[in-house]
Amino acid sequence: MTDTTRDPVNRNLLEVRDRIGFQRLGLMNNQVWYDDPKRLVFTLSRYKFVAKMLSGRARVLEVGCGDGFGARIVAQEVGALTVTDFDPLFIRDIQDRAVDRWPMDARVHDILDGPLDGPPFDAAYSLDVLEHIPAEREGPFLSNTAASLTDHGVLIIGIPSLESQAHASPPSREGHVNCKTGRDFKALMERHFHTVFLFSMNDEVVHTGYAPMAHYLFTVCAAPRRRAAEATDK
């Protein structure tokens, strides 16, 4: 390329462009960037929270990764990252955008069918997935995820709050069949984990404020309850 830059500090921008080309958005976040750009900020902020909470974990699993665009933020902080989704379309998109600098194992897997094969993970996370799982199937979703973890494993779940749905778009409300209040969300996770911390989120800010005024909720959970979780699935 013959492009030049007036400020030498920007020369690296051209070097990266010429060496690896342009990085592109994932299939899902391409639509987000086109229709509602600020929503991408909120999404990436959720991934940053996960990345900081799980920093230093050796093996981490994402359940329901979608196009996996935000997973690279988590990959910066952990040893090895496996991302899964039940839709092969998204996994192919992740593989098509893969780069050597940010390796991740992308697999097609439906967590409702069972835990992931192989050694258990040190931690897992799932963002914007549980609200799409019917309440009668949330037990298998959580127990199979917990069964993919070590006995001291950590799980982070993020969902829109039930109160936020009054302000959600019609397409969002149609797909969100299992949103919860903060109280109910924490109680659910305590049936599957010994320790559960609840956080609230508004826009890109995570806090410990009043859950009914939160748009989004996180639970940070540790130490799966093996037998208790199995009993709730029957």
C-alpha atoms as a PDB file:
ATOM      1  CA  MET A   1       0.000   0.000   0.000  1.00  0.00           C
ATOM      2  CA  THR A   2       1.159   3.566  -0.690  1.00  0.00           C
ATOM      3  CA  ASP A   3      -0.871   5.324   2.031  1.00  0.00           C
ATOM      4  CA  THR A   4       1.034   7.568   4.416  1.00  0.00           C
ATOM      5  CA  THR A   5       0.127   9.214   7.698  1.00  0.00           C
ATOM      6  CA  ARG A   6       1.125  12.726   8.713  1.00  0.00           C
ATOM      7  CA  ASP A   7       1.710  11.676  12.326  1.00  0.00           C
ATOM      8  CA  PRO A   8       4.325   8.890  12.663  1.00  0.00           C
ATOM      9  CA  VAL A   9       2.602   7.580  15.780  1.00  0.00           C
ATOM     10  CA  ASN A  10      -0.205   6.322  13.516  1.00  0.00           C
ATOM     11  CA  ARG A  11       2.088   4.362  11.208  1.00  0.00           C
ATOM     12  CA  ASN A  12       1.321   1.159  13.113  1.00  0.00           C
ATOM     13  CA  LEU A  13      -2.321   1.445  12.043  1.00  0.00           C
ATOM     14  CA  LEU A  14      -1.324   0.992   8.428  1.00  0.00           C
ATOM     15  CA  GLU A  15       1.107  -1.801   9.272  1.00  0.00           C
ATOM     16  CA  VAL A  16      -1.610  -3.807  11.013  1.00  0.00           C
ATOM     17  CA  ARG A  17      -4.065  -3.144   8.194  1.00  0.00           C
ATOM     18  CA  ASP A  18      -1.573  -4.321   5.583  1.00  0.00           C
ATOM     19  CA  ARG A  19      -0.445  -7.361   7.582  1.00  0.00           C
ATOM     20  CA  ILE A  20      -3.796  -8.818   8.766  1.00  0.00           C
ATOM     21  CA  GLY A  21      -6.470  -6.750   6.996  1.00  0.00           C
ATOM     22  CA  PHE A  22      -9.545  -5.338   8.717  1.00  0.00           C
ATOM     23  CA  GLN A  23     -11.090  -7.181  11.664  1.00  0.00           C
ATOM     24  CA  ARG A  24     -14.848  -7.463  11.274  1.00  0.00           C
ATOM     25  CA  LEU A  25     -17.810  -7.572  13.595  1.00  0.00           C
ATOM     26  CA  GLY A  26     -19.562 -10.861  14.220  1.00  0.00           C
ATOM     27  CA  LEU A  27     -22.828 -11.740  12.503  1.00  0.00           C
ATOM     28  CA  MET A  28     -25.007 -10.689  15.445  1.00  0.00           C
ATOM     29  CA  ASN A  29     -23.108  -7.551  16.417  1.00  0.00           C
ATOM     30  CA  ASN A  30     -22.966  -6.390  12.831  1.00  0.00           C
ATOM     31  CA  GLN A  31     -26.743  -5.948  13.069  1.00  0.00           C
ATOM     32  CA  VAL A  32     -26.408  -4.273  16.473  1.00  0.00           C
ATOM     33  CA  TRP A  33     -23.825  -1.768  15.168  1.00  0.00           C
ATOM     34  CA  TYR A  34     -26.137  -0.935  12.253  1.00  0.00           C
ATOM     35  CA  ASP A  35     -29.435  -0.644  14.178  1.00  0.00           C
ATOM     36  CA  ASP A  36     -28.456   0.504  17.678  1.00  0.00           C
ATOM     37  CA  PRO A  37     -24.726   1.352  18.080  1.00  0.00           C
ATOM     38  CA  LYS A  38     -24.907   2.200  21.791  1.00  0.00           C
ATOM     39  CA  ARG A  39     -26.127  -1.321  22.544  1.00  0.00           C
ATOM     40  CA  LEU A  40     -22.712  -2.633  21.508  1.00  0.00           C
ATOM     41  CA  VAL A  41     -21.166  -0.598  24.350  1.00  0.00           C
ATOM     42  CA  PHE A  42     -23.496  -2.249  26.866  1.00  0.00           C
ATOM     43  CA  THR A  43     -22.740  -5.723  25.503  1.00  0.00           C
ATOM     44  CA  LEU A  44     -18.976  -5.273  25.634  1.00  0.00           C
ATOM     45  CA  SER A  45     -19.233  -3.854  29.166  1.00  0.00           C
ATOM     46  CA  ARG A  46     -20.871  -7.086  30.282  1.00  0.00           C
ATOM     47  CA  TYR A  47     -18.002  -9.074  28.814  1.00  0.00           C
ATOM     48  CA  LYS A  48     -15.495  -6.821  30.544  1.00  0.00           C
ATOM     49  CA  PHE A  49     -17.165  -7.496  33.895  1.00  0.00           C
ATOM     50  CA  VAL A  50     -16.929 -11.232  33.262  1.00  0.00           C
ATOM     51  CA  ALA A  51     -13.297 -10.925  32.173  1.00  0.00           C
ATOM     52  CA  LYS A  52     -12.283  -9.114  35.360  1.00  0.00           C
ATOM     53  CA  MET A  53     -14.208 -11.483  37.631  1.00  0.00           C
ATOM     54  CA  LEU A  54     -12.625 -14.545  35.982  1.00  0.00           C
ATOM     55  CA  SER A  55      -9.147 -13.087  35.486  1.00  0.00           C
ATOM     56  CA  GLY A  56      -6.464 -15.725  35.973  1.00  0.00           C
ATOM     57  CA  ARG A  57      -8.747 -18.748  35.593  1.00  0.00           C
ATOM     58  CA  ALA A  58      -7.009 -21.475  33.601  1.00  0.00           C
ATOM     59  CA  ARG A  59      -9.926 -22.966  31.612  1.00  0.00           C
ATOM     60  CA  VAL A  60     -13.146 -21.059  30.995  1.00  0.00           C
ATOM     61  CA  LEU A  61     -16.370 -21.939  29.172  1.00  0.00           C
ATOM     62  CA  GLU A  62     -18.958 -19.666  27.559  1.00  0.00           C
ATOM     63  CA  VAL A  63     -22.450 -21.139  27.199  1.00  0.00           C
ATOM     64  CA  GLY A  64     -24.519 -19.593  24.417  1.00  0.00           C
ATOM     65  CA  CYS A  65     -21.832 -17.413  22.839  1.00  0.00           C
ATOM     66  CA  GLY A  66     -23.794 -16.220  19.795  1.00  0.00           C
ATOM     67  CA  ASP A  67     -21.307 -14.759  17.332  1.00  0.00           C
ATOM     68  CA  GLY A  68     -18.598 -14.719  20.014  1.00  0.00           C
ATOM     69  CA  PHE A  69     -17.577 -11.142  19.266  1.00  0.00           C
ATOM     70  CA  GLY A  70     -17.193 -10.144  22.930  1.00  0.00           C
ATOM     71  CA  ALA A  71     -15.404 -13.347  23.929  1.00  0.00           C
ATOM     72  CA  ARG A  72     -12.040 -11.914  22.924  1.00  0.00           C
ATOM     73  CA  ILE A  73     -12.276  -9.588  25.950  1.00  0.00           C
ATOM     74  CA  VAL A  74     -12.507 -12.628  28.227  1.00  0.00           C
ATOM     75  CA  ALA A  75      -9.715 -14.361  26.306  1.00  0.00           C
ATOM     76  CA  GLN A  76      -7.413 -11.487  27.306  1.00  0.00           C
ATOM     77  CA  GLU A  77      -7.764 -12.424  30.982  1.00  0.00           C
ATOM     78  CA  VAL A  78      -7.928 -16.237  31.097  1.00  0.00           C
ATOM     79  CA  GLY A  79      -5.684 -19.118  30.167  1.00  0.00           C
ATOM     80  CA  ALA A  80      -7.871 -20.942  27.637  1.00  0.00           C
ATOM     81  CA  LEU A  81     -11.395 -20.169  26.442  1.00  0.00           C
ATOM     82  CA  THR A  82     -13.996 -22.519  24.968  1.00  0.00           C
ATOM     83  CA  VAL A  83     -17.115 -20.918  23.478  1.00  0.00           C
ATOM     84  CA  THR A  84     -20.250 -22.878  22.644  1.00  0.00           C
ATOM     85  CA  ASP A  85     -23.587 -22.286  20.987  1.00  0.00           C
ATOM     86  CA  PHE A  86     -26.378 -24.570  19.821  1.00  0.00           C
ATOM     87  CA  ASP A  87     -26.512 -22.820  16.411  1.00  0.00           C
ATOM     88  CA  PRO A  88     -23.850 -23.978  13.894  1.00  0.00           C
ATOM     89  CA  LEU A  89     -24.282 -20.705  11.987  1.00  0.00           C
ATOM     90  CA  PHE A  90     -22.681 -18.719  14.810  1.00  0.00           C
ATOM     91  CA  ILE A  91     -19.869 -21.206  15.362  1.00  0.00           C
ATOM     92  CA  ARG A  92     -18.952 -21.074  11.659  1.00  0.00           C
ATOM     93  CA  ASP A  93     -18.928 -17.281  11.860  1.00  0.00           C
ATOM     94  CA  ILE A  94     -16.520 -17.410  14.835  1.00  0.00           C
ATOM     95  CA  GLN A  95     -14.240 -19.838  13.025  1.00  0.00           C
ATOM     96  CA  ASP A  96     -14.249 -17.679   9.887  1.00  0.00           C
ATOM     97  CA  ARG A  97     -13.060 -14.665  11.929  1.00  0.00           C
ATOM     98  CA  ALA A  98     -10.483 -16.550  13.996  1.00  0.00           C
ATOM     99  CA  VAL A  99      -6.989 -15.077  14.369  1.00  0.00           C
ATOM    100  CA  ASP A 100      -3.901 -16.698  15.871  1.00  0.00           C
ATOM    101  CA  ARG A 101      -3.424 -13.935  18.425  1.00  0.00           C
ATOM    102  CA  TRP A 102      -6.750 -14.696  20.145  1.00  0.00           C
ATOM    103  CA  PRO A 103      -7.257 -18.469  20.003  1.00  0.00           C
ATOM    104  CA  MET A 104     -10.479 -19.975  21.300  1.00  0.00           C
ATOM    105  CA  ASP A 105     -12.108 -23.353  20.913  1.00  0.00           C
ATOM    106  CA  ALA A 106     -15.514 -22.830  19.274  1.00  0.00           C
ATOM    107  CA  ARG A 107     -17.928 -25.780  19.488  1.00  0.00           C
ATOM    108  CA  VAL A 108     -21.528 -26.534  18.577  1.00  0.00           C
ATOM    109  CA  HIS A 109     -23.214 -27.729  21.760  1.00  0.00           C
ATOM    110  CA  ASP A 110     -26.706 -27.464  23.263  1.00  0.00           C
ATOM    111  CA  ILE A 111     -26.271 -27.345  27.044  1.00  0.00           C
ATOM    112  CA  LEU A 112     -29.854 -28.616  27.469  1.00  0.00           C
ATOM    113  CA  ASP A 113     -28.652 -31.943  26.055  1.00  0.00           C
ATOM    114  CA  GLY A 114     -26.005 -32.412  28.741  1.00  0.00           C
ATOM    115  CA  PRO A 115     -22.686 -31.153  30.129  1.00  0.00           C
ATOM    116  CA  LEU A 116     -19.741 -30.519  27.848  1.00  0.00           C
ATOM    117  CA  ASP A 117     -17.510 -33.514  27.186  1.00  0.00           C
ATOM    118  CA  GLY A 118     -13.971 -33.522  28.535  1.00  0.00           C
ATOM    119  CA  PRO A 119     -12.294 -32.268  31.702  1.00  0.00           C
ATOM    120  CA  PRO A 120     -14.338 -29.835  33.847  1.00  0.00           C
ATOM    121  CA  PHE A 121     -13.733 -26.105  33.573  1.00  0.00           C
ATOM    122  CA  ASP A 122     -12.504 -23.743  36.285  1.00  0.00           C
ATOM    123  CA  ALA A 123     -15.201 -21.216  35.393  1.00  0.00           C
ATOM    124  CA  ALA A 124     -18.087 -20.599  33.028  1.00  0.00           C
ATOM    125  CA  TYR A 125     -20.303 -17.710  32.035  1.00  0.00           C
ATOM    126  CA  SER A 126     -23.487 -17.166  30.058  1.00  0.00           C
ATOM    127  CA  LEU A 127     -24.790 -13.750  28.997  1.00  0.00           C
ATOM    128  CA  ASP A 128     -28.258 -13.059  27.626  1.00  0.00           C
ATOM    129  CA  VAL A 129     -29.167 -16.746  27.379  1.00  0.00           C
ATOM    130  CA  LEU A 130     -31.160 -17.824  30.454  1.00  0.00           C
ATOM    131  CA  GLU A 131     -33.999 -15.417  29.636  1.00  0.00           C
ATOM    132  CA  HIS A 132     -34.539 -17.381  26.405  1.00  0.00           C
ATOM    133  CA  ILE A 133     -34.825 -20.726  28.243  1.00  0.00           C
ATOM    134  CA  PRO A 134     -38.374 -21.677  29.305  1.00  0.00           C
ATOM    135  CA  ALA A 135     -38.722 -21.827  33.077  1.00  0.00           C
ATOM    136  CA  GLU A 136     -39.479 -25.553  32.969  1.00  0.00           C
ATOM    137  CA  ARG A 137     -36.052 -26.157  31.376  1.00  0.00           C
ATOM    138  CA  GLU A 138     -33.934 -23.777  33.451  1.00  0.00           C
ATOM    139  CA  GLY A 139     -33.087 -26.644  35.834  1.00  0.00           C
ATOM    140  CA  PRO A 140     -31.304 -28.743  33.180  1.00  0.00           C
ATOM    141  CA  PHE A 141     -29.686 -25.617  31.761  1.00  0.00           C
ATOM    142  CA  LEU A 142     -28.098 -24.754  35.100  1.00  0.00           C
ATOM    143  CA  SER A 143     -27.326 -28.278  36.307  1.00  0.00           C
ATOM    144  CA  ASN A 144     -25.645 -29.217  33.013  1.00  0.00           C
ATOM    145  CA  THR A 145     -23.615 -26.019  33.133  1.00  0.00           C
ATOM    146  CA  ALA A 146     -22.646 -26.693  36.758  1.00  0.00           C
ATOM    147  CA  ALA A 147     -21.737 -30.277  35.855  1.00  0.00           C
ATOM    148  CA  SER A 148     -19.224 -28.853  33.355  1.00  0.00           C
ATOM    149  CA  LEU A 149     -17.370 -27.188  36.262  1.00  0.00           C
ATOM    150  CA  THR A 150     -14.915 -28.365  38.899  1.00  0.00           C
ATOM    151  CA  ASP A 151     -16.153 -28.641  42.484  1.00  0.00           C
ATOM    152  CA  HIS A 152     -14.774 -25.164  43.190  1.00  0.00           C
ATOM    153  CA  GLY A 153     -15.842 -23.737  39.839  1.00  0.00           C
ATOM    154  CA  VAL A 154     -17.338 -20.286  39.317  1.00  0.00           C
ATOM    155  CA  LEU A 155     -20.333 -19.414  37.126  1.00  0.00           C
ATOM    156  CA  ILE A 156     -21.452 -15.929  36.046  1.00  0.00           C
ATOM    157  CA  ILE A 157     -24.940 -15.506  34.570  1.00  0.00           C
ATOM    158  CA  GLY A 158     -26.245 -12.244  33.118  1.00  0.00           C
ATOM    159  CA  ILE A 159     -29.888 -11.564  32.176  1.00  0.00           C
ATOM    160  CA  PRO A 160     -32.201  -8.570  31.646  1.00  0.00           C
ATOM    161  CA  SER A 161     -34.293  -7.881  34.722  1.00  0.00           C
ATOM    162  CA  LEU A 162     -38.010  -8.580  34.733  1.00  0.00           C
ATOM    163  CA  GLU A 163     -38.631  -4.881  35.457  1.00  0.00           C
ATOM    164  CA  SER A 164     -36.699  -3.866  32.322  1.00  0.00           C
ATOM    165  CA  GLN A 165     -39.172  -5.595  30.040  1.00  0.00           C
ATOM    166  CA  ALA A 166     -41.608  -2.699  30.288  1.00  0.00           C
ATOM    167  CA  HIS A 167     -39.071  -0.749  28.228  1.00  0.00           C
ATOM    168  CA  ALA A 168     -37.964  -3.547  25.882  1.00  0.00           C
ATOM    169  CA  SER A 169     -38.735  -3.620  22.170  1.00  0.00           C
ATOM    170  CA  PRO A 170     -41.474  -6.006  20.950  1.00  0.00           C
ATOM    171  CA  PRO A 171     -38.934  -8.429  19.364  1.00  0.00           C
ATOM    172  CA  SER A 172     -36.981  -8.552  22.628  1.00  0.00           C
ATOM    173  CA  ARG A 173     -40.066  -9.206  24.716  1.00  0.00           C
ATOM    174  CA  GLU A 174     -41.097 -12.000  22.363  1.00  0.00           C
ATOM    175  CA  GLY A 175     -37.816 -13.853  22.895  1.00  0.00           C
ATOM    176  CA  HIS A 176     -37.439 -13.077  26.598  1.00  0.00           C
ATOM    177  CA  VAL A 177     -39.597 -15.795  28.105  1.00  0.00           C
ATOM    178  CA  ASN A 178     -37.818 -16.125  31.445  1.00  0.00           C
ATOM    179  CA  CYS A 179     -36.683 -12.781  32.850  1.00  0.00           C
ATOM    180  CA  LYS A 180     -36.557 -12.543  36.631  1.00  0.00           C
ATOM    181  CA  THR A 181     -36.500 -10.108  39.525  1.00  0.00           C
ATOM    182  CA  GLY A 182     -33.221  -9.875  41.404  1.00  0.00           C
ATOM    183  CA  ARG A 183     -34.715 -11.744  44.371  1.00  0.00           C
ATOM    184  CA  ASP A 184     -35.961 -14.651  42.237  1.00  0.00           C
ATOM    185  CA  PHE A 185     -32.761 -14.788  40.196  1.00  0.00           C
ATOM    186  CA  LYS A 186     -30.591 -15.087  43.309  1.00  0.00           C
ATOM    187  CA  ALA A 187     -32.916 -17.697  44.830  1.00  0.00           C
ATOM    188  CA  LEU A 188     -32.746 -19.790  41.656  1.00  0.00           C
ATOM    189  CA  MET A 189     -28.951 -19.732  41.561  1.00  0.00           C
ATOM    190  CA  GLU A 190     -28.732 -20.604  45.272  1.00  0.00           C
ATOM    191  CA  ARG A 191     -30.494 -23.884  44.485  1.00  0.00           C
ATOM    192  CA  HIS A 192     -27.532 -24.779  42.267  1.00  0.00           C
ATOM    193  CA  PHE A 193     -24.535 -23.116  43.996  1.00  0.00           C
ATOM    194  CA  HIS A 194     -23.399 -22.753  47.584  1.00  0.00           C
ATOM    195  CA  THR A 195     -22.376 -19.093  47.197  1.00  0.00           C
ATOM    196  CA  VAL A 196     -24.190 -16.486  45.075  1.00  0.00           C
ATOM    197  CA  PHE A 197     -23.585 -12.735  44.763  1.00  0.00           C
ATOM    198  CA  LEU A 198     -26.127 -10.521  42.975  1.00  0.00           C
ATOM    199  CA  PHE A 199     -25.118  -7.391  41.033  1.00  0.00           C
ATOM    200  CA  SER A 200     -27.200  -4.801  39.207  1.00  0.00           C
ATOM    201  CA  MET A 201     -26.317  -3.080  35.935  1.00  0.00           C
ATOM    202  CA  ASN A 202     -27.617   0.035  34.214  1.00  0.00           C
ATOM    203  CA  ASP A 203     -26.181   0.796  30.784  1.00  0.00           C
ATOM    204  CA  GLU A 204     -22.458   0.007  31.137  1.00  0.00           C
ATOM    205  CA  VAL A 205     -22.276   0.496  34.931  1.00  0.00           C
ATOM    206  CA  VAL A 206     -22.268  -2.522  37.287  1.00  0.00           C
ATOM    207  CA  HIS A 207     -23.248  -1.748  40.874  1.00  0.00           C
ATOM    208  CA  THR A 208     -24.855  -3.101  44.042  1.00  0.00           C
ATOM    209  CA  GLY A 209     -27.843  -0.781  43.941  1.00  0.00           C
ATOM    210  CA  TYR A 210     -31.571  -1.445  44.188  1.00  0.00           C
ATOM    211  CA  ALA A 211     -32.285  -4.446  41.949  1.00  0.00           C
ATOM    212  CA  PRO A 212     -35.846  -3.448  40.915  1.00  0.00           C
ATOM    213  CA  MET A 213     -34.353  -0.326  39.273  1.00  0.00           C
ATOM    214  CA  ALA A 214     -31.700  -2.302  37.386  1.00  0.00           C
ATOM    215  CA  HIS A 215     -32.003  -2.948  33.673  1.00  0.00           C
ATOM    216  CA  TYR A 216     -29.672  -5.966  33.850  1.00  0.00           C
ATOM    217  CA  LEU A 217     -28.676  -8.462  36.542  1.00  0.00           C
ATOM    218  CA  PHE A 218     -25.577 -10.571  37.211  1.00  0.00           C
ATOM    219  CA  THR A 219     -25.118 -13.473  39.579  1.00  0.00           C
ATOM    220  CA  VAL A 220     -21.587 -14.566  40.442  1.00  0.00           C
ATOM    221  CA  CYS A 221     -21.822 -18.116  41.776  1.00  0.00           C
ATOM    222  CA  ALA A 222     -19.268 -20.514  43.304  1.00  0.00           C
ATOM    223  CA  ALA A 223     -19.161 -24.186  44.336  1.00  0.00           C
ATOM    224  CA  PRO A 224     -21.913 -26.183  42.581  1.00  0.00           C
ATOM    225  CA  ARG A 225     -24.462 -28.041  44.707  1.00  0.00           C
ATOM    226  CA  ARG A 226     -24.228 -31.396  42.945  1.00  0.00           C
ATOM    227  CA  ARG A 227     -27.044 -33.443  44.508  1.00  0.00           C
ATOM    228  CA  ALA A 228     -29.361 -30.490  45.107  1.00  0.00           C
ATOM    229  CA  ALA A 229     -29.098 -29.446  41.475  1.00  0.00           C
ATOM    230  CA  GLU A 230     -29.908 -32.972  40.276  1.00  0.00           C
ATOM    231  CA  ALA A 231     -33.031 -33.079  42.471  1.00  0.00           C
ATOM    232  CA  THR A 232     -34.438 -29.866  40.987  1.00  0.00           C
ATOM    233  CA  ASP A 233     -34.306 -31.337  37.482  1.00  0.00           C
ATOM    234  CA  LYS A 234     -36.653 -34.252  38.206  1.00  0.00           C
END
